[in-house]
Amino acid sequence: MTQFRLTPTVAKLPSTVPFVGPETQERARGKPFDARLGANESVFGASPRALAAMAAADHWQYGDPENHDLKHALADHHGTTPDHIIVGEGIDGLLGYLARMMVAPGDTVVTSEGAYPTFNYHVAGFGGTLHKVPYLDDHEDPAALFAKAAEVNAKLVYLANPDNPMGTAHRGEDIVQSLQALPPQTLLLLDEAYVECAPEGTAVPLPPGDPRLIRLRTFSKVYGLAGARIGYGIGAPDLIAAFDRVRNHFGVNRAAQAGALAALEDTAWLAHVQAQIRSARARIVQIATDNGLTSLPSATNFVTIDCGADDALAKAVLDGLVARGIFIRMPFAAPQNRCIRVSCGTDLMMDAFAAALGPALRDAKKG
């Protein structure tokens, strides 16, 4: 009988995935959630123009493997040229391509303890060695990240700004100042998935071709196209060109390309969603305050709430909310795992969360 043979790296990996989806939890519960507030999707939906463009796409055709129209539109949007832009299957897809391009068995990579785990998943899959630094006051710590990169001769260092799972952010100018300590042999992978949710000045004020970093953006958050799986990177042309050596050239489907292009052009809808996010963030903060809890300042489309004790209490609160039909998540690593994380939702979803949090918190404290 033929036996499949995994690579030695993959054969040694545990059978885990970064996230258990809400659909998996709904199947286990035997019923849907009343409020889906754990995946940081935009429950406010995509631009009607984007939905119309996706519906009108010729689905029998493969997507343009060059993503030509979208790349040119993104280049215009960022005041650059298309050779600075790579389009891919969301930030997760681009993270996988970067790992494939740059990480060989034994290569060193630096990230924060408890930061977005999908990046770690890709690095492990190609045999990289991860080095982690702790958060500083619930913020990722660029100085510590870059110092560790110099210490271990890292090829890549991952930094999210704004951050997931804490929602905190650094000023773009401060990150630029920190780059003075980035080792010349290290590429900064700057995940800006939430930058459209953040205050002015959060994005780094650097030219698109700065060779020290690649910036990753997505249409999954404020643009409401998480299900379409489409994102993009901004970087130096020689780095962007290297993606063509490894990427799935037909990975971005035609409907996603059409939807992203229309979403990018619909600035009025973007402003509408940004306003909805600000309103929902304020509501989450108020709900937390009403229950005696403290919220972290958020520059994202979610709010991280400090449950005031340890991970055991936070997990009990999470479980209590899930049992009451509210899907949320919590950070994975201490001390951030003293918190729960709640995505922005509609008024009805916020009402359901408000009704469930108090009883869940009381039960958690009793248990």
Protein backbone atom coordinates (compact mmCIF):
# COMPACT_ATOMS: atom_id res chain seq x y z
CA MET A 1 0.00 0.00 0.00
CA THR A 2 1.27 3.47 -0.87
CA GLN A 3 2.12 5.61 2.15
CA PHE A 4 2.09 9.40 1.95
CA ARG A 5 5.25 11.06 3.23
CA LEU A 6 5.07 14.43 4.93
CA THR A 7 8.06 16.69 5.17
CA PRO A 8 9.99 16.16 8.41
CA THR A 9 8.92 19.63 9.55
CA VAL A 10 5.21 19.04 9.03
CA ALA A 11 5.37 15.51 10.46
CA LYS A 12 6.59 16.95 13.77
CA LEU A 13 3.88 19.61 14.05
CA PRO A 14 0.89 19.13 16.34
CA SER A 15 -2.55 18.68 14.78
CA THR A 16 -3.79 22.16 15.65
CA VAL A 17 -5.25 25.16 13.85
CA PRO A 18 -4.92 28.80 14.91
CA PHE A 19 -8.65 29.38 15.39
CA VAL A 20 -11.78 27.37 16.04
CA GLY A 21 -14.41 29.05 13.90
CA PRO A 22 -17.84 30.12 15.14
CA GLU A 23 -19.44 27.65 12.73
CA THR A 24 -17.64 24.79 14.50
CA GLN A 25 -18.91 26.06 17.83
CA GLU A 26 -22.44 26.45 16.48
CA ARG A 27 -22.45 22.85 15.27
CA ALA A 28 -21.31 21.74 18.73
CA ARG A 29 -24.02 23.88 20.39
CA GLY A 30 -26.69 22.70 17.97
CA LYS A 31 -27.85 26.24 17.28
CA PRO A 32 -26.50 29.54 15.92
CA PHE A 33 -25.12 32.39 17.98
CA ASP A 34 -27.35 35.39 18.66
CA ALA A 35 -24.39 37.76 18.30
CA ARG A 36 -21.26 36.96 16.27
CA LEU A 37 -18.74 39.22 18.02
CA GLY A 38 -15.54 37.20 18.00
CA ALA A 39 -13.99 37.26 14.53
CA ASN A 40 -13.61 41.03 14.01
CA GLU A 41 -15.65 40.89 10.84
CA SER A 42 -17.61 43.94 9.75
CA VAL A 43 -21.17 43.05 10.64
CA PHE A 44 -22.15 46.37 9.04
CA GLY A 45 -21.65 44.72 5.67
CA ALA A 46 -19.93 45.52 2.41
CA SER A 47 -20.61 48.46 0.14
CA PRO A 48 -23.77 47.91 -1.93
CA ARG A 49 -21.66 48.83 -4.93
CA ALA A 50 -19.20 46.08 -4.03
CA LEU A 51 -21.96 43.50 -3.65
CA ALA A 52 -23.44 44.49 -7.01
CA ALA A 53 -20.04 44.23 -8.70
CA MET A 54 -19.47 40.78 -7.21
CA ALA A 55 -22.91 39.58 -8.30
CA ALA A 56 -22.26 40.81 -11.84
CA ALA A 57 -18.86 39.13 -12.13
CA ASP A 58 -18.50 36.37 -14.71
CA HIS A 59 -17.97 33.51 -12.28
CA TRP A 60 -17.29 31.02 -15.05
CA GLN A 61 -14.03 32.87 -15.72
CA TYR A 62 -10.88 32.60 -13.65
CA GLY A 63 -9.80 35.80 -11.98
CA ASP A 64 -7.17 37.93 -13.69
CA PRO A 65 -3.92 36.36 -12.45
CA GLU A 66 -2.24 39.79 -12.48
CA ASN A 67 -5.04 41.50 -10.52
CA HIS A 68 -4.40 44.32 -12.98
CA ASP A 69 -7.33 46.67 -12.39
CA LEU A 70 -7.24 46.34 -8.61
CA LYS A 71 -3.46 46.75 -8.43
CA HIS A 72 -3.63 49.95 -10.47
CA ALA A 73 -6.49 51.30 -8.36
CA LEU A 74 -4.59 50.51 -5.14
CA ALA A 75 -1.47 52.16 -6.54
CA ASP A 76 -3.47 55.32 -7.28
CA HIS A 77 -5.06 55.14 -3.83
CA HIS A 78 -1.63 55.08 -2.18
CA GLY A 79 0.08 57.48 -4.57
CA THR A 80 2.48 54.92 -5.97
CA THR A 81 2.92 52.55 -8.91
CA PRO A 82 1.56 49.00 -9.39
CA ASP A 83 4.98 47.41 -8.97
CA HIS A 84 4.75 48.35 -5.28
CA ILE A 85 1.52 46.34 -4.81
CA ILE A 86 0.87 42.61 -4.35
CA VAL A 87 -2.71 41.29 -4.12
CA GLY A 88 -3.42 38.02 -2.34
CA GLU A 89 -5.95 35.86 -0.54
CA GLY A 90 -6.27 38.13 2.46
CA ILE A 91 -3.43 38.96 4.83
CA ASP A 92 -3.33 35.32 5.89
CA GLY A 93 -2.53 34.26 2.34
CA LEU A 94 0.18 36.89 2.02
CA LEU A 95 1.69 35.80 5.35
CA GLY A 96 1.92 32.28 3.98
CA TYR A 97 3.65 33.48 0.82
CA LEU A 98 6.14 35.56 2.80
CA ALA A 99 6.99 32.58 4.99
CA ARG A 100 7.44 30.41 1.91
CA MET A 101 9.67 33.05 0.30
CA MET A 102 11.87 33.77 3.28
CA VAL A 103 11.74 31.04 5.94
CA ALA A 104 13.76 27.86 5.58
CA PRO A 105 14.26 25.26 8.33
CA GLY A 106 16.18 26.87 11.18
CA ASP A 107 15.72 30.48 10.05
CA THR A 108 14.85 32.83 12.88
CA VAL A 109 11.74 35.00 13.10
CA VAL A 110 10.60 37.38 15.85
CA THR A 111 7.09 38.18 17.03
CA SER A 112 5.29 39.16 20.23
CA GLU A 113 4.10 36.59 22.76
CA GLY A 114 0.35 36.34 22.17
CA ALA A 115 0.28 38.26 18.87
CA TYR A 116 -1.72 37.12 15.82
CA PRO A 117 -1.13 33.33 15.76
CA THR A 118 -1.63 32.66 12.04
CA PHE A 119 1.79 34.16 11.30
CA ASN A 120 3.38 31.72 13.76
CA TYR A 121 1.47 28.88 12.11
CA HIS A 122 3.01 29.65 8.70
CA VAL A 123 6.52 30.06 10.12
CA ALA A 124 6.29 26.72 11.90
CA GLY A 125 5.05 25.07 8.72
CA PHE A 126 8.27 26.00 6.91
CA GLY A 127 10.54 25.05 9.80
CA GLY A 128 11.34 28.51 11.12
CA THR A 129 12.40 29.17 14.70
CA LEU A 130 10.17 31.65 16.50
CA HIS A 131 11.50 34.03 19.14
CA LYS A 132 8.96 36.00 21.14
CA VAL A 133 9.04 39.14 23.27
CA PRO A 134 6.39 40.24 25.77
CA TYR A 135 3.94 43.07 25.31
CA LEU A 136 4.65 46.32 27.13
CA ASP A 137 1.63 47.87 28.86
CA ASP A 138 -0.70 45.92 26.54
CA HIS A 139 1.08 47.32 23.47
CA GLU A 140 3.42 45.50 21.15
CA ASP A 141 6.96 46.68 21.89
CA PRO A 142 8.86 47.67 18.72
CA ALA A 143 12.10 48.39 20.58
CA ALA A 144 12.10 44.93 22.17
CA LEU A 145 11.11 43.27 18.89
CA PHE A 146 13.94 44.91 16.97
CA ALA A 147 16.47 44.25 19.74
CA LYS A 148 15.53 40.57 19.72
CA ALA A 149 15.80 40.52 15.92
CA ALA A 150 19.36 41.80 16.18
CA GLU A 151 20.17 39.26 18.91
CA VAL A 152 18.96 36.23 16.92
CA ASN A 153 19.75 37.48 13.38
CA ALA A 154 16.09 37.31 12.40
CA LYS A 155 14.98 37.33 8.78
CA LEU A 156 11.52 38.65 9.65
CA VAL A 157 9.96 40.52 12.53
CA TYR A 158 6.17 40.72 12.83
CA LEU A 159 4.44 43.81 14.23
CA ALA A 160 0.73 44.61 14.02
CA ASN A 161 -0.31 48.25 14.27
CA PRO A 162 -3.06 48.52 15.42
CA ASP A 163 -2.64 45.34 17.38
CA ASN A 164 -4.77 42.23 17.52
CA PRO A 165 -5.77 40.98 20.12
CA MET A 166 -5.38 44.05 22.35
CA GLY A 167 -6.64 46.78 20.00
CA THR A 168 -3.90 49.19 21.02
CA ALA A 169 -1.82 51.20 18.55
CA HIS A 170 1.39 53.20 18.19
CA ARG A 171 1.69 56.44 16.26
CA GLY A 172 3.17 55.85 12.85
CA GLU A 173 5.91 58.39 13.54
CA ASP A 174 6.98 56.44 16.63
CA ILE A 175 7.34 53.25 14.60
CA VAL A 176 9.44 55.14 12.05
CA GLN A 177 11.73 56.31 14.86
CA SER A 178 11.98 52.73 16.16
CA LEU A 179 13.07 51.54 12.70
CA GLN A 180 16.46 53.08 13.33
CA ALA A 181 17.16 50.00 15.47
CA LEU A 182 15.89 47.46 12.92
CA PRO A 183 18.84 45.28 11.85
CA PRO A 184 19.74 45.74 8.17
CA GLN A 185 19.33 42.00 7.55
CA THR A 186 15.76 41.97 8.93
CA LEU A 187 12.52 42.77 7.13
CA LEU A 188 9.69 44.31 9.16
CA LEU A 189 6.35 42.71 8.37
CA LEU A 190 3.91 45.45 9.41
CA ASP A 191 0.35 44.17 9.65
CA GLU A 192 -2.02 47.12 9.20
CA ALA A 193 -5.26 45.15 8.97
CA TYR A 194 -7.08 47.61 11.22
CA VAL A 195 -5.50 50.88 10.13
CA GLU A 196 -8.72 52.21 8.54
CA CYS A 197 -10.32 51.93 12.00
CA ALA A 198 -7.54 53.89 13.70
CA PRO A 199 -6.96 57.59 14.35
CA GLU A 200 -5.18 59.73 11.80
CA GLY A 201 -1.43 59.32 12.16
CA THR A 202 -1.46 55.58 12.93
CA ALA A 203 -0.19 54.55 9.48
CA VAL A 204 3.57 54.86 9.06
CA PRO A 205 4.53 58.00 7.09
CA LEU A 206 7.03 56.25 4.82
CA PRO A 207 7.28 55.97 1.03
CA PRO A 208 5.78 52.77 -0.43
CA GLY A 209 9.16 51.55 -1.61
CA ASP A 210 11.00 51.73 1.71
CA PRO A 211 13.03 48.49 1.66
CA ARG A 212 12.94 48.00 5.42
CA LEU A 213 9.32 46.86 5.56
CA ILE A 214 6.30 45.44 3.81
CA ARG A 215 2.87 46.70 4.85
CA LEU A 216 -0.13 44.37 4.70
CA ARG A 217 -3.70 45.63 4.34
CA THR A 218 -7.05 43.88 3.98
CA PHE A 219 -10.59 44.26 2.68
CA SER A 220 -11.84 42.00 5.49
CA LYS A 221 -12.39 44.65 8.16
CA VAL A 222 -13.98 48.04 7.43
CA TYR A 223 -14.65 47.06 3.80
CA GLY A 224 -16.75 44.08 4.93
CA LEU A 225 -15.34 41.50 2.53
CA ALA A 226 -13.92 38.92 4.96
CA GLY A 227 -15.67 36.10 3.13
CA ALA A 228 -14.11 37.11 -0.19
CA ARG A 229 -10.56 36.63 1.18
CA ILE A 230 -8.71 39.49 -0.44
CA GLY A 231 -5.92 41.73 0.80
CA TYR A 232 -2.76 43.38 -0.43
CA GLY A 233 0.78 44.33 0.44
CA ILE A 234 2.78 47.50 -0.17
CA GLY A 235 6.53 47.16 -0.51
CA ALA A 236 9.69 47.65 -2.52
CA PRO A 237 9.33 46.47 -6.15
CA ASP A 238 12.01 43.79 -5.95
CA LEU A 239 10.33 42.24 -2.91
CA ILE A 240 6.89 42.50 -4.50
CA ALA A 241 8.20 40.82 -7.67
CA ALA A 242 9.46 37.88 -5.61
CA PHE A 243 5.88 36.94 -4.74
CA ASP A 244 5.36 35.88 -8.36
CA ARG A 245 7.81 33.02 -7.77
CA VAL A 246 5.59 31.33 -5.18
CA ARG A 247 2.05 32.71 -5.20
CA ASN A 248 -1.07 31.00 -6.47
CA HIS A 249 -1.61 33.12 -9.57
CA PHE A 250 -5.32 32.25 -9.73
CA GLY A 251 -5.80 32.42 -5.97
CA VAL A 252 -7.85 35.63 -5.95
CA ASN A 253 -11.18 34.97 -7.61
CA ARG A 254 -12.87 37.26 -10.10
CA ALA A 255 -15.73 38.24 -7.78
CA ALA A 256 -13.32 39.21 -4.99
CA GLN A 257 -11.32 41.39 -7.39
CA ALA A 258 -14.48 43.15 -8.61
CA GLY A 259 -15.82 43.61 -5.08
CA ALA A 260 -12.57 45.01 -3.72
CA LEU A 261 -12.26 47.46 -6.60
CA ALA A 262 -15.80 48.75 -6.07
CA ALA A 263 -15.33 48.89 -2.28
CA LEU A 264 -12.16 50.94 -2.67
CA GLU A 265 -14.03 53.46 -4.82
CA ASP A 266 -17.02 53.77 -2.46
CA THR A 267 -15.55 56.24 0.02
CA ALA A 268 -18.99 57.22 1.32
CA TRP A 269 -19.67 53.66 2.50
CA LEU A 270 -16.24 53.49 4.11
CA ALA A 271 -17.00 56.66 6.11
CA HIS A 272 -20.39 55.21 7.10
CA VAL A 273 -18.83 52.02 8.45
CA GLN A 274 -16.11 53.95 10.28
CA ALA A 275 -18.84 55.92 12.05
CA GLN A 276 -20.66 52.70 12.96
CA ILE A 277 -17.45 51.30 14.40
CA ARG A 278 -16.87 54.37 16.56
CA SER A 279 -20.41 54.17 17.88
CA ALA A 280 -20.18 50.44 18.64
CA ARG A 281 -16.81 50.84 20.36
CA ALA A 282 -18.31 53.45 22.66
CA ARG A 283 -21.23 51.13 23.40
CA ILE A 284 -18.92 48.22 24.30
CA VAL A 285 -16.92 50.49 26.61
CA GLN A 286 -20.14 51.61 28.32
CA ILE A 287 -21.37 48.02 28.73
CA ALA A 288 -18.05 47.06 30.30
CA THR A 289 -18.15 50.08 32.62
CA ASP A 290 -21.72 49.29 33.67
CA ASN A 291 -20.46 45.88 34.79
CA GLY A 292 -17.48 47.24 36.72
CA LEU A 293 -14.91 46.30 34.08
CA THR A 294 -12.20 48.33 32.37
CA SER A 295 -11.71 48.60 28.61
CA LEU A 296 -8.43 49.10 26.80
CA PRO A 297 -8.24 52.02 24.36
CA SER A 298 -9.11 50.65 20.92
CA ALA A 299 -7.93 51.68 17.46
CA THR A 300 -9.67 48.69 15.84
CA ASN A 301 -13.15 47.33 15.19
CA PHE A 302 -13.16 45.51 18.52
CA VAL A 303 -12.66 46.38 22.18
CA THR A 304 -10.57 44.37 24.62
CA ILE A 305 -12.06 44.25 28.12
CA ASP A 306 -10.00 43.57 31.23
CA CYS A 307 -11.89 41.10 33.44
CA GLY A 308 -9.79 42.17 36.40
CA ALA A 309 -8.20 38.88 37.42
CA ASP A 310 -6.52 36.02 35.54
CA ASP A 311 -7.13 33.85 32.51
CA ALA A 312 -9.34 31.48 34.48
CA LEU A 313 -11.86 34.22 35.16
CA ALA A 314 -11.67 35.52 31.60
CA LYS A 315 -12.23 32.02 30.21
CA ALA A 316 -15.19 31.52 32.53
CA VAL A 317 -16.71 34.80 31.34
CA LEU A 318 -16.12 33.77 27.73
CA ASP A 319 -17.73 30.38 28.32
CA GLY A 320 -20.68 32.05 30.02
CA LEU A 321 -21.18 34.38 27.09
CA VAL A 322 -20.93 31.53 24.57
CA ALA A 323 -23.51 29.57 26.57
CA ARG A 324 -25.78 32.60 26.31
CA GLY A 325 -25.39 32.82 22.53
CA ILE A 326 -22.64 35.45 22.32
CA PHE A 327 -19.56 34.46 20.29
CA ILE A 328 -16.40 36.26 21.48
CA ARG A 329 -12.72 35.41 21.84
CA MET A 330 -9.90 36.15 24.27
CA PRO A 331 -6.12 36.63 24.00
CA PHE A 332 -4.03 33.47 24.12
CA ALA A 333 -1.05 34.46 26.28
CA ALA A 334 -0.48 35.91 29.74
CA PRO A 335 -0.94 38.56 30.97
CA GLN A 336 -3.18 39.64 28.09
CA ASN A 337 -5.37 36.57 28.61
CA ARG A 338 -6.92 38.25 31.64
CA CYS A 339 -9.11 39.94 29.01
CA ILE A 340 -11.92 39.14 26.61
CA ARG A 341 -12.21 40.64 23.12
CA VAL A 342 -15.52 41.85 21.69
CA SER A 343 -16.01 42.85 18.07
CA CYS A 344 -18.16 45.82 17.11
CA GLY A 345 -21.72 44.85 16.28
CA THR A 346 -25.13 46.15 15.36
CA ASP A 347 -27.43 47.68 17.98
CA LEU A 348 -29.23 44.34 18.35
CA MET A 349 -25.95 42.50 18.85
CA MET A 350 -24.81 45.08 21.39
CA ASP A 351 -28.12 44.71 23.23
CA ALA A 352 -27.63 40.93 23.37
CA PHE A 353 -24.08 41.35 24.68
CA ALA A 354 -25.24 43.86 27.29
CA ALA A 355 -27.93 41.45 28.51
CA ALA A 356 -25.52 38.51 28.71
CA LEU A 357 -22.36 40.04 30.19
CA GLY A 358 -23.66 40.69 33.71
CA PRO A 359 -24.98 37.15 34.31
CA ALA A 360 -21.91 35.61 32.69
CA LEU A 361 -19.61 37.68 34.90
CA ARG A 362 -21.55 36.84 38.07
CA ASP A 363 -21.51 33.12 37.30
CA ALA A 364 -17.80 33.25 36.49
CA LYS A 365 -17.00 34.88 39.83
CA LYS A 366 -19.09 32.33 41.70
CA GLY A 367 -17.45 29.42 39.91
